[in-house]
Amino acid sequence: MTITEQDREQRIGVIKTYWDALMAGDMERFRSLLAPDAVIHYPGQHYLSGDYTTNDDIVGLYTRLTQFIKEYL
């Protein structure tokens, strides 16, 4: 499969939007980037570990992570 320059730029744009939304704590924009069937596995053996299988759960996870970062930076 050959990726065109336009495809590459579009993918980079999505990643930048994703990153900017997370860094700004813009969970509405972040939510808009999630696929309806998205699943996130957060590794480890702690209270955040596990599978997040709904968009609400995924947004909740990243909301907690961004709040944690804001508190400790």
PDB file of N, CA and C in Angstrom:
ATOM      1  N   MET A   1       0.844  -1.179   0.000  1.00  0.00           N
ATOM      2  CA  MET A   1       0.000   0.000   0.000  1.00  0.00           C
ATOM      3  C   MET A   1       0.885   1.237   0.000  1.00  0.00           C
ATOM      4  N   THR A   2       0.653   2.095  -0.938  1.00  0.00           N
ATOM      5  CA  THR A   2       1.405   3.330  -1.037  1.00  0.00           C
ATOM      6  C   THR A   2       0.616   4.462  -0.401  1.00  0.00           C
ATOM      7  N   ILE A   3       1.271   5.213   0.470  1.00  0.00           N
ATOM      8  CA  ILE A   3       0.635   6.349   1.121  1.00  0.00           C
ATOM      9  C   ILE A   3       1.043   7.609   0.371  1.00  0.00           C
ATOM     10  N   THR A   4       0.049   8.364  -0.042  1.00  0.00           N
ATOM     11  CA  THR A   4       0.336   9.603  -0.766  1.00  0.00           C
ATOM     12  C   THR A   4       0.737  10.690   0.226  1.00  0.00           C
ATOM     13  N   GLU A   5       1.322  11.731  -0.291  1.00  0.00           N
ATOM     14  CA  GLU A   5       1.697  12.867   0.551  1.00  0.00           C
ATOM     15  C   GLU A   5       0.465  13.496   1.190  1.00  0.00           C
ATOM     16  N   GLN A   6      -0.632  13.516   0.464  1.00  0.00           N
ATOM     17  CA  GLN A   6      -1.882  14.062   1.012  1.00  0.00           C
ATOM     18  C   GLN A   6      -2.369  13.209   2.186  1.00  0.00           C
ATOM     19  N   ASP A   7      -2.311  11.880   2.050  1.00  0.00           N
ATOM     20  CA  ASP A   7      -2.685  10.979   3.149  1.00  0.00           C
ATOM     21  C   ASP A   7      -1.795  11.211   4.361  1.00  0.00           C
ATOM     22  N   ARG A   8      -0.510  11.322   4.100  1.00  0.00           N
ATOM     23  CA  ARG A   8       0.459  11.538   5.183  1.00  0.00           C
ATOM     24  C   ARG A   8       0.154  12.832   5.923  1.00  0.00           C
ATOM     25  N   GLU A   9      -0.084  13.909   5.194  1.00  0.00           N
ATOM     26  CA  GLU A   9      -0.380  15.204   5.812  1.00  0.00           C
ATOM     27  C   GLU A   9      -1.686  15.156   6.601  1.00  0.00           C
ATOM     28  N   GLN A  10      -2.669  14.433   6.062  1.00  0.00           N
ATOM     29  CA  GLN A  10      -3.947  14.305   6.753  1.00  0.00           C
ATOM     30  C   GLN A  10      -3.772  13.542   8.071  1.00  0.00           C
ATOM     31  N   ARG A  11      -2.992  12.490   8.055  1.00  0.00           N
ATOM     32  CA  ARG A  11      -2.737  11.710   9.270  1.00  0.00           C
ATOM     33  C   ARG A  11      -1.985  12.537  10.301  1.00  0.00           C
ATOM     34  N   ILE A  12      -1.005  13.286   9.861  1.00  0.00           N
ATOM     35  CA  ILE A  12      -0.258  14.160  10.764  1.00  0.00           C
ATOM     36  C   ILE A  12      -1.193  15.208  11.367  1.00  0.00           C
ATOM     37  N   GLY A  13      -2.107  15.729  10.567  1.00  0.00           N
ATOM     38  CA  GLY A  13      -3.080  16.701  11.065  1.00  0.00           C
ATOM     39  C   GLY A  13      -3.955  16.129  12.165  1.00  0.00           C
ATOM     40  N   VAL A  14      -4.394  14.892  11.996  1.00  0.00           N
ATOM     41  CA  VAL A  14      -5.216  14.246  13.024  1.00  0.00           C
ATOM     42  C   VAL A  14      -4.411  14.063  14.310  1.00  0.00           C
ATOM     43  N   ILE A  15      -3.166  13.639  14.189  1.00  0.00           N
ATOM     44  CA  ILE A  15      -2.318  13.446  15.367  1.00  0.00           C
ATOM     45  C   ILE A  15      -2.085  14.774  16.078  1.00  0.00           C
ATOM     46  N   LYS A  16      -1.833  15.838  15.325  1.00  0.00           N
ATOM     47  CA  LYS A  16      -1.637  17.156  15.938  1.00  0.00           C
ATOM     48  C   LYS A  16      -2.904  17.623  16.652  1.00  0.00           C
ATOM     49  N   THR A  17      -4.049  17.425  16.024  1.00  0.00           N
ATOM     50  CA  THR A  17      -5.317  17.813  16.644  1.00  0.00           C
ATOM     51  C   THR A  17      -5.536  17.027  17.934  1.00  0.00           C
ATOM     52  N   TYR A  18      -5.266  15.722  17.884  1.00  0.00           N
ATOM     53  CA  TYR A  18      -5.370  14.844  19.057  1.00  0.00           C
ATOM     54  C   TYR A  18      -4.479  15.361  20.182  1.00  0.00           C
ATOM     55  N   TRP A  19      -3.226  15.621  19.868  1.00  0.00           N
ATOM     56  CA  TRP A  19      -2.267  16.063  20.873  1.00  0.00           C
ATOM     57  C   TRP A  19      -2.668  17.425  21.435  1.00  0.00           C
ATOM     58  N   ASP A  20      -3.023  18.357  20.567  1.00  0.00           N
ATOM     59  CA  ASP A  20      -3.417  19.694  21.014  1.00  0.00           C
ATOM     60  C   ASP A  20      -4.643  19.630  21.918  1.00  0.00           C
ATOM     61  N   ALA A  21      -5.609  18.783  21.574  1.00  0.00           N
ATOM     62  CA  ALA A  21      -6.807  18.638  22.400  1.00  0.00           C
ATOM     63  C   ALA A  21      -6.449  18.105  23.779  1.00  0.00           C
ATOM     64  N   LEU A  22      -5.597  17.102  23.837  1.00  0.00           N
ATOM     65  CA  LEU A  22      -5.203  16.554  25.137  1.00  0.00           C
ATOM     66  C   LEU A  22      -4.416  17.566  25.955  1.00  0.00           C
ATOM     67  N   MET A  23      -3.501  18.271  25.336  1.00  0.00           N
ATOM     68  CA  MET A  23      -2.678  19.235  26.062  1.00  0.00           C
ATOM     69  C   MET A  23      -3.492  20.422  26.567  1.00  0.00           C
ATOM     70  N   ALA A  24      -4.590  20.737  25.868  1.00  0.00           N
ATOM     71  CA  ALA A  24      -5.462  21.832  26.285  1.00  0.00           C
ATOM     72  C   ALA A  24      -6.567  21.354  27.226  1.00  0.00           C
ATOM     73  N   GLY A  25      -6.670  20.040  27.403  1.00  0.00           N
ATOM     74  CA  GLY A  25      -7.750  19.494  28.222  1.00  0.00           C
ATOM     75  C   GLY A  25      -9.105  19.643  27.542  1.00  0.00           C
ATOM     76  N   ASP A  26      -9.107  19.742  26.220  1.00  0.00           N
ATOM     77  CA  ASP A  26     -10.329  19.908  25.438  1.00  0.00           C
ATOM     78  C   ASP A  26     -10.924  18.530  25.145  1.00  0.00           C
ATOM     79  N   MET A  27     -11.698  18.037  26.099  1.00  0.00           N
ATOM     80  CA  MET A  27     -12.215  16.678  25.991  1.00  0.00           C
ATOM     81  C   MET A  27     -13.318  16.556  24.935  1.00  0.00           C
ATOM     82  N   GLU A  28     -14.017  17.639  24.623  1.00  0.00           N
ATOM     83  CA  GLU A  28     -15.025  17.576  23.557  1.00  0.00           C
ATOM     84  C   GLU A  28     -14.344  17.334  22.212  1.00  0.00           C
ATOM     85  N   ARG A  29     -13.262  18.043  21.955  1.00  0.00           N
ATOM     86  CA  ARG A  29     -12.528  17.836  20.704  1.00  0.00           C
ATOM     87  C   ARG A  29     -11.905  16.440  20.693  1.00  0.00           C
ATOM     88  N   PHE A  30     -11.331  16.029  21.829  1.00  0.00           N
ATOM     89  CA  PHE A  30     -10.747  14.692  21.929  1.00  0.00           C
ATOM     90  C   PHE A  30     -11.804  13.635  21.624  1.00  0.00           C
ATOM     91  N   ARG A  31     -12.977  13.779  22.229  1.00  0.00           N
ATOM     92  CA  ARG A  31     -14.065  12.810  22.007  1.00  0.00           C
ATOM     93  C   ARG A  31     -14.412  12.716  20.517  1.00  0.00           C
ATOM     94  N   SER A  32     -14.394  13.845  19.814  1.00  0.00           N
ATOM     95  CA  SER A  32     -14.765  13.849  18.394  1.00  0.00           C
ATOM     96  C   SER A  32     -13.776  13.058  17.540  1.00  0.00           C
ATOM     97  N   LEU A  33     -12.594  12.809  18.048  1.00  0.00           N
ATOM     98  CA  LEU A  33     -11.579  12.063  17.297  1.00  0.00           C
ATOM     99  C   LEU A  33     -11.658  10.553  17.517  1.00  0.00           C
ATOM    100  N   LEU A  34     -12.434  10.134  18.506  1.00  0.00           N
ATOM    101  CA  LEU A  34     -12.526   8.707  18.829  1.00  0.00           C
ATOM    102  C   LEU A  34     -13.483   7.984  17.882  1.00  0.00           C
ATOM    103  N   ALA A  35     -13.096   6.796  17.473  1.00  0.00           N
ATOM    104  CA  ALA A  35     -13.991   5.938  16.709  1.00  0.00           C
ATOM    105  C   ALA A  35     -15.081   5.431  17.645  1.00  0.00           C
ATOM    106  N   PRO A  36     -16.276   5.173  17.133  1.00  0.00           N
ATOM    107  CA  PRO A  36     -17.364   4.689  17.990  1.00  0.00           C
ATOM    108  C   PRO A  36     -17.027   3.387  18.715  1.00  0.00           C
ATOM    109  N   ASP A  37     -16.165   2.568  18.119  1.00  0.00           N
ATOM    110  CA  ASP A  37     -15.814   1.279  18.725  1.00  0.00           C
ATOM    111  C   ASP A  37     -14.393   1.276  19.289  1.00  0.00           C
ATOM    112  N   ALA A  38     -13.881   2.458  19.631  1.00  0.00           N
ATOM    113  CA  ALA A  38     -12.515   2.556  20.155  1.00  0.00           C
ATOM    114  C   ALA A  38     -12.394   1.809  21.485  1.00  0.00           C
ATOM    115  N   VAL A  39     -11.229   1.212  21.694  1.00  0.00           N
ATOM    116  CA  VAL A  39     -10.897   0.546  22.952  1.00  0.00           C
ATOM    117  C   VAL A  39      -9.481   0.964  23.321  1.00  0.00           C
ATOM    118  N   ILE A  40      -9.298   1.364  24.561  1.00  0.00           N
ATOM    119  CA  ILE A  40      -7.977   1.717  25.076  1.00  0.00           C
ATOM    120  C   ILE A  40      -7.626   0.731  26.174  1.00  0.00           C
ATOM    121  N   HIS A  41      -6.443   0.165  26.089  1.00  0.00           N
ATOM    122  CA  HIS A  41      -5.932  -0.673  27.171  1.00  0.00           C
ATOM    123  C   HIS A  41      -4.847   0.125  27.880  1.00  0.00           C
ATOM    124  N   TYR A  42      -5.049   0.401  29.155  1.00  0.00           N
ATOM    125  CA  TYR A  42      -4.070   1.135  29.946  1.00  0.00           C
ATOM    126  C   TYR A  42      -3.343   0.110  30.811  1.00  0.00           C
ATOM    127  N   PRO A  43      -2.070  -0.118  30.539  1.00  0.00           N
ATOM    128  CA  PRO A  43      -1.345  -1.197  31.216  1.00  0.00           C
ATOM    129  C   PRO A  43      -0.985  -0.870  32.661  1.00  0.00           C
ATOM    130  N   GLY A  44      -0.624  -1.890  33.385  1.00  0.00           N
ATOM    131  CA  GLY A  44      -0.140  -1.713  34.748  1.00  0.00           C
ATOM    132  C   GLY A  44      -0.979  -2.462  35.753  1.00  0.00           C
ATOM    133  N   GLN A  45      -0.634  -2.243  36.999  1.00  0.00           N
ATOM    134  CA  GLN A  45      -1.329  -2.873  38.121  1.00  0.00           C
ATOM    135  C   GLN A  45      -1.725  -1.783  39.121  1.00  0.00           C
ATOM    136  N   HIS A  46      -2.547  -0.857  38.692  1.00  0.00           N
ATOM    137  CA  HIS A  46      -2.967   0.251  39.547  1.00  0.00           C
ATOM    138  C   HIS A  46      -4.396   0.640  39.212  1.00  0.00           C
ATOM    139  N   TYR A  47      -4.892   1.680  39.866  1.00  0.00           N
ATOM    140  CA  TYR A  47      -6.307   2.012  39.745  1.00  0.00           C
ATOM    141  C   TYR A  47      -6.733   2.459  38.344  1.00  0.00           C
ATOM    142  N   LEU A  48      -5.794   2.867  37.504  1.00  0.00           N
ATOM    143  CA  LEU A  48      -6.146   3.252  36.138  1.00  0.00           C
ATOM    144  C   LEU A  48      -6.039   2.095  35.145  1.00  0.00           C
ATOM    145  N   SER A  49      -5.409   1.011  35.542  1.00  0.00           N
ATOM    146  CA  SER A  49      -5.182  -0.125  34.649  1.00  0.00           C
ATOM    147  C   SER A  49      -6.491  -0.742  34.186  1.00  0.00           C
ATOM    148  N   GLY A  50      -6.480  -1.210  32.961  1.00  0.00           N
ATOM    149  CA  GLY A  50      -7.644  -1.936  32.472  1.00  0.00           C
ATOM    150  C   GLY A  50      -8.022  -1.538  31.074  1.00  0.00           C
ATOM    151  N   ASP A  51      -9.155  -2.068  30.639  1.00  0.00           N
ATOM    152  CA  ASP A  51      -9.683  -1.794  29.309  1.00  0.00           C
ATOM    153  C   ASP A  51     -10.795  -0.760  29.417  1.00  0.00           C
ATOM    154  N   TYR A  52     -10.748   0.217  28.550  1.00  0.00           N
ATOM    155  CA  TYR A  52     -11.760   1.262  28.467  1.00  0.00           C
ATOM    156  C   TYR A  52     -12.464   1.067  27.136  1.00  0.00           C
ATOM    157  N   THR A  53     -13.737   0.665  27.191  1.00  0.00           N
ATOM    158  CA  THR A  53     -14.409   0.165  25.995  1.00  0.00           C
ATOM    159  C   THR A  53     -15.521   1.061  25.458  1.00  0.00           C
ATOM    160  N   THR A  54     -15.777   2.166  26.105  1.00  0.00           N
ATOM    161  CA  THR A  54     -16.750   3.123  25.571  1.00  0.00           C
ATOM    162  C   THR A  54     -16.066   4.481  25.461  1.00  0.00           C
ATOM    163  N   ASN A  55     -16.613   5.335  24.621  1.00  0.00           N
ATOM    164  CA  ASN A  55     -16.040   6.670  24.489  1.00  0.00           C
ATOM    165  C   ASN A  55     -16.120   7.437  25.807  1.00  0.00           C
ATOM    166  N   ASP A  56     -17.203   7.249  26.566  1.00  0.00           N
ATOM    167  CA  ASP A  56     -17.309   7.903  27.869  1.00  0.00           C
ATOM    168  C   ASP A  56     -16.186   7.447  28.798  1.00  0.00           C
ATOM    169  N   ASP A  57     -15.914   6.149  28.811  1.00  0.00           N
ATOM    170  CA  ASP A  57     -14.834   5.622  29.650  1.00  0.00           C
ATOM    171  C   ASP A  57     -13.472   6.158  29.218  1.00  0.00           C
ATOM    172  N   ILE A  58     -13.260   6.210  27.910  1.00  0.00           N
ATOM    173  CA  ILE A  58     -11.974   6.685  27.382  1.00  0.00           C
ATOM    174  C   ILE A  58     -11.776   8.160  27.720  1.00  0.00           C
ATOM    175  N   VAL A  59     -12.811   8.961  27.513  1.00  0.00           N
ATOM    176  CA  VAL A  59     -12.720  10.386  27.858  1.00  0.00           C
ATOM    177  C   VAL A  59     -12.510  10.549  29.357  1.00  0.00           C
ATOM    178  N   GLY A  60     -13.161   9.724  30.144  1.00  0.00           N
ATOM    179  CA  GLY A  60     -12.962   9.769  31.599  1.00  0.00           C
ATOM    180  C   GLY A  60     -11.523   9.466  31.983  1.00  0.00           C
ATOM    181  N   LEU A  61     -10.930   8.471  31.352  1.00  0.00           N
ATOM    182  CA  LEU A  61      -9.532   8.135  31.621  1.00  0.00           C
ATOM    183  C   LEU A  61      -8.632   9.319  31.311  1.00  0.00           C
ATOM    184  N   TYR A  62      -8.766   9.886  30.126  1.00  0.00           N
ATOM    185  CA  TYR A  62      -7.889  10.990  29.740  1.00  0.00           C
ATOM    186  C   TYR A  62      -8.182  12.261  30.531  1.00  0.00           C
ATOM    187  N   THR A  63      -9.414  12.429  30.991  1.00  0.00           N
ATOM    188  CA  THR A  63      -9.723  13.551  31.882  1.00  0.00           C
ATOM    189  C   THR A  63      -8.954  13.390  33.184  1.00  0.00           C
ATOM    190  N   ARG A  64      -8.967  12.190  33.745  1.00  0.00           N
ATOM    191  CA  ARG A  64      -8.208  11.941  34.987  1.00  0.00           C
ATOM    192  C   ARG A  64      -6.710  12.133  34.770  1.00  0.00           C
ATOM    193  N   LEU A  65      -6.201  11.667  33.634  1.00  0.00           N
ATOM    194  CA  LEU A  65      -4.772  11.810  33.350  1.00  0.00           C
ATOM    195  C   LEU A  65      -4.378  13.275  33.204  1.00  0.00           C
ATOM    196  N   THR A  66      -5.179  14.071  32.497  1.00  0.00           N
ATOM    197  CA  THR A  66      -4.830  15.482  32.331  1.00  0.00           C
ATOM    198  C   THR A  66      -4.945  16.232  33.650  1.00  0.00           C
ATOM    199  N   GLN A  67      -5.918  15.879  34.495  1.00  0.00           N
ATOM    200  CA  GLN A  67      -6.026  16.516  35.812  1.00  0.00           C
ATOM    201  C   GLN A  67      -4.829  16.151  36.674  1.00  0.00           C
ATOM    202  N   PHE A  68      -4.414  14.905  36.604  1.00  0.00           N
ATOM    203  CA  PHE A  68      -3.243  14.456  37.367  1.00  0.00           C
ATOM    204  C   PHE A  68      -2.001  15.248  36.942  1.00  0.00           C
ATOM    205  N   ILE A  69      -1.825  15.409  35.639  1.00  0.00           N
ATOM    206  CA  ILE A  69      -0.659  16.141  35.140  1.00  0.00           C
ATOM    207  C   ILE A  69      -0.714  17.604  35.595  1.00  0.00           C
ATOM    208  N   LYS A  70      -1.886  18.237  35.515  1.00  0.00           N
ATOM    209  CA  LYS A  70      -2.018  19.629  35.939  1.00  0.00           C
ATOM    210  C   LYS A  70      -1.708  19.806  37.421  1.00  0.00           C
ATOM    211  N   GLU A  71      -2.099  18.829  38.233  1.00  0.00           N
ATOM    212  CA  GLU A  71      -1.872  18.926  39.687  1.00  0.00           C
ATOM    213  C   GLU A  71      -0.398  18.809  40.048  1.00  0.00           C
ATOM    214  N   TYR A  72       0.359  18.050  39.296  1.00  0.00           N
ATOM    215  CA  TYR A  72       1.722  17.747  39.685  1.00  0.00           C
ATOM    216  C   TYR A  72       2.784  18.440  38.833  1.00  0.00           C
ATOM    217  N   LEU A  73       2.389  19.317  37.934  1.00  0.00           N
ATOM    218  CA  LEU A  73       3.370  20.084  37.153  1.00  0.00           C
ATOM    219  C   LEU A  73       3.430  21.507  37.589  1.00  0.00           C
TER     220      LEU A  73
END
